[in-house]
Amino acid sequence: MKIISNSALRAFAADHPQAEAPLQGWRRVIEKNSFANWAELKAAFNAVDKVNELAVFDIGGNKYRLVAYIRFEKQILYIKAVLTHREYDKGAWKS
């Protein structure tokens, strides 16, 4: 699956260096796999929830949230936001 855009991961990790390893681990799993549907994604990532049309991944032992829109038919994942748990709880990513 292709990620758009990996620069969002790098930018977040620049501000939160401890997030770099778990984010890059997540990226490698996404890029090395093809997920045909939500069930296959959920099987690979137990810590992912569907919120309306978005996938919300818990990353780094629940310290970070990655919000993405996934086009399974095109094998593309669009990163909408990478947040700390606290930032996610504030809900600004929903707009």
Protein backbone atom coordinates (compact mmCIF):
# COMPACT_ATOMS: atom_id res chain seq x y z
CA MET A 1 0.00 0.00 0.00
CA LYS A 2 1.29 3.47 -0.87
CA ILE A 3 1.39 6.18 1.80
CA ILE A 4 0.69 9.82 1.01
CA SER A 5 2.63 11.44 2.56
CA ASN A 6 5.58 10.11 4.50
CA SER A 7 6.67 13.72 5.11
CA ALA A 8 3.86 14.00 7.69
CA LEU A 9 5.54 11.21 9.66
CA ARG A 10 8.94 12.88 9.43
CA ALA A 11 7.55 16.28 10.45
CA PHE A 12 5.81 14.81 13.50
CA ALA A 13 8.94 12.86 14.48
CA ALA A 14 11.02 16.04 14.22
CA ASP A 15 8.86 17.55 16.98
CA HIS A 16 8.46 14.25 18.87
CA PRO A 17 11.72 12.27 18.42
CA GLN A 18 10.48 9.38 20.57
CA ALA A 19 7.72 8.80 18.01
CA GLU A 20 10.06 8.15 15.09
CA ALA A 21 10.69 4.43 15.67
CA PRO A 22 7.04 3.43 16.19
CA LEU A 23 5.89 5.58 13.25
CA GLN A 24 8.49 4.13 10.90
CA GLY A 25 7.61 0.62 12.08
CA TRP A 26 3.96 1.33 11.24
CA ARG A 27 5.01 2.73 7.83
CA ARG A 28 7.00 -0.40 6.97
CA VAL A 29 4.04 -2.67 7.73
CA ILE A 30 1.68 -0.54 5.61
CA GLU A 31 4.08 -0.31 2.66
CA LYS A 32 4.95 -4.02 2.64
CA ASN A 33 1.33 -5.18 2.56
CA SER A 34 -1.78 -4.95 0.45
CA PHE A 35 -5.03 -4.68 2.35
CA ALA A 36 -8.12 -5.48 0.31
CA ASN A 37 -10.58 -4.24 2.92
CA TRP A 38 -11.15 -3.07 6.46
CA ALA A 39 -11.16 -6.63 7.87
CA GLU A 40 -7.67 -7.34 6.51
CA LEU A 41 -6.38 -4.05 7.91
CA LYS A 42 -7.92 -4.78 11.31
CA ALA A 43 -6.33 -8.25 11.30
CA ALA A 44 -2.89 -6.68 10.82
CA PHE A 45 -3.44 -3.74 13.19
CA ASN A 46 -5.51 -4.63 16.21
CA ALA A 47 -5.14 -1.04 17.44
CA VAL A 48 -7.04 0.64 14.60
CA ASP A 49 -10.55 2.01 14.71
CA LYS A 50 -12.89 3.20 12.01
CA VAL A 51 -14.25 6.69 12.65
CA ASN A 52 -16.70 7.56 9.88
CA GLU A 53 -14.60 7.32 6.69
CA LEU A 54 -11.28 7.48 8.52
CA ALA A 55 -8.91 4.94 10.05
CA VAL A 56 -7.44 5.93 13.42
CA PHE A 57 -4.31 4.00 14.36
CA ASP A 58 -3.01 3.84 17.94
CA ILE A 59 0.78 3.95 17.64
CA GLY A 60 3.58 3.71 20.16
CA GLY A 61 1.71 2.03 22.96
CA ASN A 62 -1.28 4.37 22.67
CA LYS A 63 0.90 7.51 22.88
CA TYR A 64 0.17 8.68 19.32
CA ARG A 65 -2.71 8.68 16.86
CA LEU A 66 -2.45 8.56 13.10
CA VAL A 67 -5.62 9.54 11.25
CA ALA A 68 -5.84 8.42 7.64
CA TYR A 69 -8.21 7.99 4.74
CA ILE A 70 -7.72 4.68 2.91
CA ARG A 71 -8.64 3.87 -0.68
CA PHE A 72 -8.44 0.08 -0.59
CA GLU A 73 -9.27 -0.29 -4.29
CA LYS A 74 -6.32 1.94 -5.25
CA GLN A 75 -4.04 0.75 -2.41
CA ILE A 76 -3.43 4.31 -1.20
CA LEU A 77 -3.42 5.60 2.38
CA TYR A 78 -3.67 9.38 2.82
CA ILE A 79 -2.38 10.67 6.14
CA LYS A 80 -4.74 13.33 7.48
CA ALA A 81 -3.05 13.91 10.85
CA VAL A 82 -0.39 12.55 13.18
CA LEU A 83 -1.09 13.56 16.76
CA THR A 84 -0.25 12.92 20.36
CA HIS A 85 -3.01 11.22 22.32
CA ARG A 86 -3.83 14.56 23.99
CA GLU A 87 -4.05 16.40 20.64
CA TYR A 88 -6.32 13.67 19.29
CA ASP A 89 -8.64 13.97 22.28
CA LYS A 90 -9.07 17.71 21.61
CA GLY A 91 -10.72 16.74 18.31
CA ALA A 92 -9.27 19.39 15.99
CA TRP A 93 -8.48 16.66 13.42
CA LYS A 94 -12.20 16.15 12.82
CA SER A 95 -12.59 19.36 10.82
